[in-house]
Every structure is written in structure tokens, then in C-alpha cells.
């Protein structure tokens, strides 16, 4: 079994900052990609940022220059630093990882339970 546990959501005023963290645990052989998605009420879930094990980061245009994704491969964690937050950033944020549980297993995708981020004055 694999678990992704998120932390760090909450309520913040426009222009403020929040830091989301996600730790993957369980039967993990190797993690390919880690990332963050978000889903606002009435909208589809969208990719916010992703970071592969050995490549460049990827961001949705609306957060470029404001959000920074990073990962610690030794701890199987991924972090999303969110600065200059806007009301339109309000959503449930989900941690996502693509990984193998063993050398012979295929890559599978896993999701965290989601953490609420609300940007409001």
C-alpha cells in the first residue's frame, strides 16, 4: 500500500503565502513524477505543478513566477511554496505521484486526500 499525506493548507489573505507538503510512504521502489493538482468548485481538476525525478519543473501558466515546487528524493516528499496568492487560487489541492512499488511492478498513479486552500480577505 502507498499513502500520500498532505499538510499545510488553510486560509490566507490575498498576497499571502502558504507552503504545502506531501509525504509518500508505504511500498515504494521508485517515484517517477510528483506534483500538485487543484480543483475549484464547479471546475475540473488541473495540474498546478509537477517535478520529475531528474528533469525540469512544469507549471500551469497562472502560477508561474508565484509558485515553486521542490522534492526531496531521500524522504519521498514534495513541497509547493505558494506566494502572492490570489482569490482564484482557492481550491482543494491534491498531491500526486507516479511510482513503482517494486522492480517488476508497473508505474501507478496515487493521490493524496486533498487539502483546502482558501484565499480571501
C-alpha atoms as a PDB file:
ATOM      1  CA  UNK A   1       0.000   0.000   0.000  1.00  0.00           C
ATOM      2  CA  UNK A   2       1.062   3.544  -0.744  1.00  0.00           C
ATOM      3  CA  UNK A   3      -0.112   6.654   1.045  1.00  0.00           C
ATOM      4  CA  UNK A   4       0.295  10.309   0.175  1.00  0.00           C
ATOM      5  CA  UNK A   5      -0.301  12.596   3.135  1.00  0.00           C
ATOM      6  CA  UNK A   6      -0.623  16.331   2.592  1.00  0.00           C
ATOM      7  CA  UNK A   7      -0.308  19.183   5.038  1.00  0.00           C
ATOM      8  CA  UNK A   8      -0.152  22.953   5.014  1.00  0.00           C
ATOM      9  CA  UNK A   9      -3.462  24.181   3.627  1.00  0.00           C
ATOM     10  CA  UNK A  10      -5.538  26.885   5.209  1.00  0.00           C
ATOM     11  CA  UNK A  11      -6.953  30.386   4.949  1.00  0.00           C
ATOM     12  CA  UNK A  12      -4.746  33.241   3.800  1.00  0.00           C
ATOM     13  CA  UNK A  13      -5.307  36.802   2.664  1.00  0.00           C
ATOM     14  CA  UNK A  14      -4.630  37.841  -0.930  1.00  0.00           C
ATOM     15  CA  UNK A  15      -0.931  38.440  -1.403  1.00  0.00           C
ATOM     16  CA  UNK A  16      -0.048  35.984   1.331  1.00  0.00           C
ATOM     17  CA  UNK A  17       1.887  32.742   1.233  1.00  0.00           C
ATOM     18  CA  UNK A  18       1.301  29.113   2.066  1.00  0.00           C
ATOM     19  CA  UNK A  19       3.513  26.054   1.904  1.00  0.00           C
ATOM     20  CA  UNK A  20       2.033  22.655   1.048  1.00  0.00           C
ATOM     21  CA  UNK A  21       3.894  19.479   1.833  1.00  0.00           C
ATOM     22  CA  UNK A  22       3.244  15.884   0.842  1.00  0.00           C
ATOM     23  CA  UNK A  23       4.945  12.741   2.086  1.00  0.00           C
ATOM     24  CA  UNK A  24       4.709   9.434   0.267  1.00  0.00           C
ATOM     25  CA  UNK A  25       5.033   6.272   2.321  1.00  0.00           C
ATOM     26  CA  UNK A  26       4.492   2.541   2.025  1.00  0.00           C
ATOM     27  CA  UNK A  27       5.707   0.137  -0.641  1.00  0.00           C
ATOM     28  CA  UNK A  28       7.787   2.485  -2.793  1.00  0.00           C
ATOM     29  CA  UNK A  29      10.564   1.320  -5.070  1.00  0.00           C
ATOM     30  CA  UNK A  30      10.959   4.432  -7.168  1.00  0.00           C
ATOM     31  CA  UNK A  31       8.969   7.610  -7.756  1.00  0.00           C
ATOM     32  CA  UNK A  32       8.927   8.994 -11.267  1.00  0.00           C
ATOM     33  CA  UNK A  33       6.905  12.191 -11.065  1.00  0.00           C
ATOM     34  CA  UNK A  34       5.476  14.101  -8.126  1.00  0.00           C
ATOM     35  CA  UNK A  35       3.134  17.008  -8.442  1.00  0.00           C
ATOM     36  CA  UNK A  36       0.210  19.063  -7.265  1.00  0.00           C
ATOM     37  CA  UNK A  37      -3.232  19.365  -8.788  1.00  0.00           C
ATOM     38  CA  UNK A  38      -6.101  21.543  -7.689  1.00  0.00           C
ATOM     39  CA  UNK A  39      -9.838  21.567  -8.090  1.00  0.00           C
ATOM     40  CA  UNK A  40     -12.021  24.590  -7.509  1.00  0.00           C
ATOM     41  CA  UNK A  41     -15.797  24.281  -7.042  1.00  0.00           C
ATOM     42  CA  UNK A  42     -17.500  23.647 -10.360  1.00  0.00           C
ATOM     43  CA  UNK A  43     -14.223  23.255 -12.221  1.00  0.00           C
ATOM     44  CA  UNK A  44     -12.159  20.350 -13.458  1.00  0.00           C
ATOM     45  CA  UNK A  45      -9.070  19.235 -11.621  1.00  0.00           C
ATOM     46  CA  UNK A  46      -5.985  20.861 -13.157  1.00  0.00           C
ATOM     47  CA  UNK A  47      -2.280  20.298 -12.908  1.00  0.00           C
ATOM     48  CA  UNK A  48      -0.626  23.090 -10.942  1.00  0.00           C
ATOM     49  CA  UNK A  49       2.993  21.952 -10.941  1.00  0.00           C
ATOM     50  CA  UNK A  50       4.995  18.805 -11.415  1.00  0.00           C
ATOM     51  CA  UNK A  51       8.576  17.713 -10.917  1.00  0.00           C
ATOM     52  CA  UNK A  52      10.099  14.559 -12.368  1.00  0.00           C
ATOM     53  CA  UNK A  53      12.889  12.702 -10.653  1.00  0.00           C
ATOM     54  CA  UNK A  54      15.576  14.135 -12.847  1.00  0.00           C
ATOM     55  CA  UNK A  55      14.161  16.828 -15.079  1.00  0.00           C
ATOM     56  CA  UNK A  56      12.807  20.303 -15.214  1.00  0.00           C
ATOM     57  CA  UNK A  57       9.742  21.504 -13.360  1.00  0.00           C
ATOM     58  CA  UNK A  58       6.447  22.269 -15.024  1.00  0.00           C
ATOM     59  CA  UNK A  59       3.862  24.896 -14.007  1.00  0.00           C
ATOM     60  CA  UNK A  60       0.463  25.957 -15.222  1.00  0.00           C
ATOM     61  CA  UNK A  61       0.731  29.461 -16.669  1.00  0.00           C
ATOM     62  CA  UNK A  62      -1.435  31.036 -13.988  1.00  0.00           C
ATOM     63  CA  UNK A  63       1.056  30.232 -11.195  1.00  0.00           C
ATOM     64  CA  UNK A  64       4.371  30.797 -12.960  1.00  0.00           C
ATOM     65  CA  UNK A  65       6.555  33.166 -11.009  1.00  0.00           C
ATOM     66  CA  UNK A  66       4.461  32.736  -7.851  1.00  0.00           C
ATOM     67  CA  UNK A  67       4.629  29.022  -7.007  1.00  0.00           C
ATOM     68  CA  UNK A  68       7.696  26.854  -6.612  1.00  0.00           C
ATOM     69  CA  UNK A  69       7.693  23.066  -6.491  1.00  0.00           C
ATOM     70  CA  UNK A  70      10.511  21.045  -4.998  1.00  0.00           C
ATOM     71  CA  UNK A  71      11.093  17.469  -3.899  1.00  0.00           C
ATOM     72  CA  UNK A  72      13.352  15.514  -1.606  1.00  0.00           C
ATOM     73  CA  UNK A  73      14.011  12.117  -3.134  1.00  0.00           C
ATOM     74  CA  UNK A  74      15.601  10.811   0.060  1.00  0.00           C
ATOM     75  CA  UNK A  75      12.403  11.454   2.014  1.00  0.00           C
ATOM     76  CA  UNK A  76       9.858  10.933  -0.795  1.00  0.00           C
ATOM     77  CA  UNK A  77       8.395  14.358  -0.204  1.00  0.00           C
ATOM     78  CA  UNK A  78       7.202  17.139  -2.460  1.00  0.00           C
ATOM     79  CA  UNK A  79       6.585  20.732  -1.455  1.00  0.00           C
ATOM     80  CA  UNK A  80       4.690  23.562  -3.100  1.00  0.00           C
ATOM     81  CA  UNK A  81       5.626  27.055  -1.980  1.00  0.00           C
ATOM     82  CA  UNK A  82       2.827  29.420  -2.924  1.00  0.00           C
ATOM     83  CA  UNK A  83       3.477  33.159  -2.845  1.00  0.00           C
ATOM     84  CA  UNK A  84       1.429  36.162  -3.913  1.00  0.00           C
ATOM     85  CA  UNK A  85      -1.726  34.127  -3.555  1.00  0.00           C
ATOM     86  CA  UNK A  86      -4.867  35.284  -5.325  1.00  0.00           C
ATOM     87  CA  UNK A  87      -8.537  34.507  -4.664  1.00  0.00           C
ATOM     88  CA  UNK A  88      -8.568  32.461  -7.869  1.00  0.00           C
ATOM     89  CA  UNK A  89      -6.026  30.114  -6.275  1.00  0.00           C
ATOM     90  CA  UNK A  90      -8.748  28.940  -3.905  1.00  0.00           C
ATOM     91  CA  UNK A  91      -9.230  25.211  -4.382  1.00  0.00           C
ATOM     92  CA  UNK A  92      -8.622  21.800  -2.919  1.00  0.00           C
ATOM     93  CA  UNK A  93      -5.014  20.895  -3.647  1.00  0.00           C
ATOM     94  CA  UNK A  94      -4.096  17.263  -4.257  1.00  0.00           C
ATOM     95  CA  UNK A  95      -0.689  15.663  -4.103  1.00  0.00           C
ATOM     96  CA  UNK A  96       0.031  13.236  -6.950  1.00  0.00           C
ATOM     97  CA  UNK A  97       2.774  10.700  -7.502  1.00  0.00           C
ATOM     98  CA  UNK A  98       3.599   8.173 -10.193  1.00  0.00           C
ATOM     99  CA  UNK A  99       5.647   5.340  -8.780  1.00  0.00           C
ATOM    100  CA  UNK A 100       6.588   1.680  -8.775  1.00  0.00           C
ATOM    101  CA  UNK A 101       6.119  -0.467  -5.690  1.00  0.00           C
ATOM    102  CA  UNK A 102       8.761  -2.956  -6.811  1.00  0.00           C
ATOM    103  CA  UNK A 103      11.271  -3.508  -9.585  1.00  0.00           C
ATOM    104  CA  UNK A 104       8.821  -5.683 -11.511  1.00  0.00           C
ATOM    105  CA  UNK A 105       5.635  -3.703 -10.932  1.00  0.00           C
ATOM    106  CA  UNK A 106       4.264  -1.156 -13.392  1.00  0.00           C
ATOM    107  CA  UNK A 107       4.091   2.543 -12.668  1.00  0.00           C
ATOM    108  CA  UNK A 108       0.847   3.535 -10.954  1.00  0.00           C
ATOM    109  CA  UNK A 109      -0.613   6.891 -10.013  1.00  0.00           C
ATOM    110  CA  UNK A 110      -1.544   7.765  -6.445  1.00  0.00           C
ATOM    111  CA  UNK A 111      -3.399  10.703  -4.925  1.00  0.00           C
ATOM    112  CA  UNK A 112      -3.464  12.361  -1.563  1.00  0.00           C
ATOM    113  CA  UNK A 113      -6.694  13.134   0.244  1.00  0.00           C
ATOM    114  CA  UNK A 114      -6.583  16.821  -0.626  1.00  0.00           C
ATOM    115  CA  UNK A 115      -6.045  19.964   1.424  1.00  0.00           C
ATOM    116  CA  UNK A 116      -8.151  23.108   1.228  1.00  0.00           C
ATOM    117  CA  UNK A 117      -6.513  26.396   0.288  1.00  0.00           C
ATOM    118  CA  UNK A 118      -8.712  29.468   0.649  1.00  0.00           C
ATOM    119  CA  UNK A 119      -7.512  32.918  -0.372  1.00  0.00           C
ATOM    120  CA  UNK A 120      -9.846  35.581   0.935  1.00  0.00           C
ATOM    121  CA  UNK A 121      -9.845  38.865   2.770  1.00  0.00           C
END
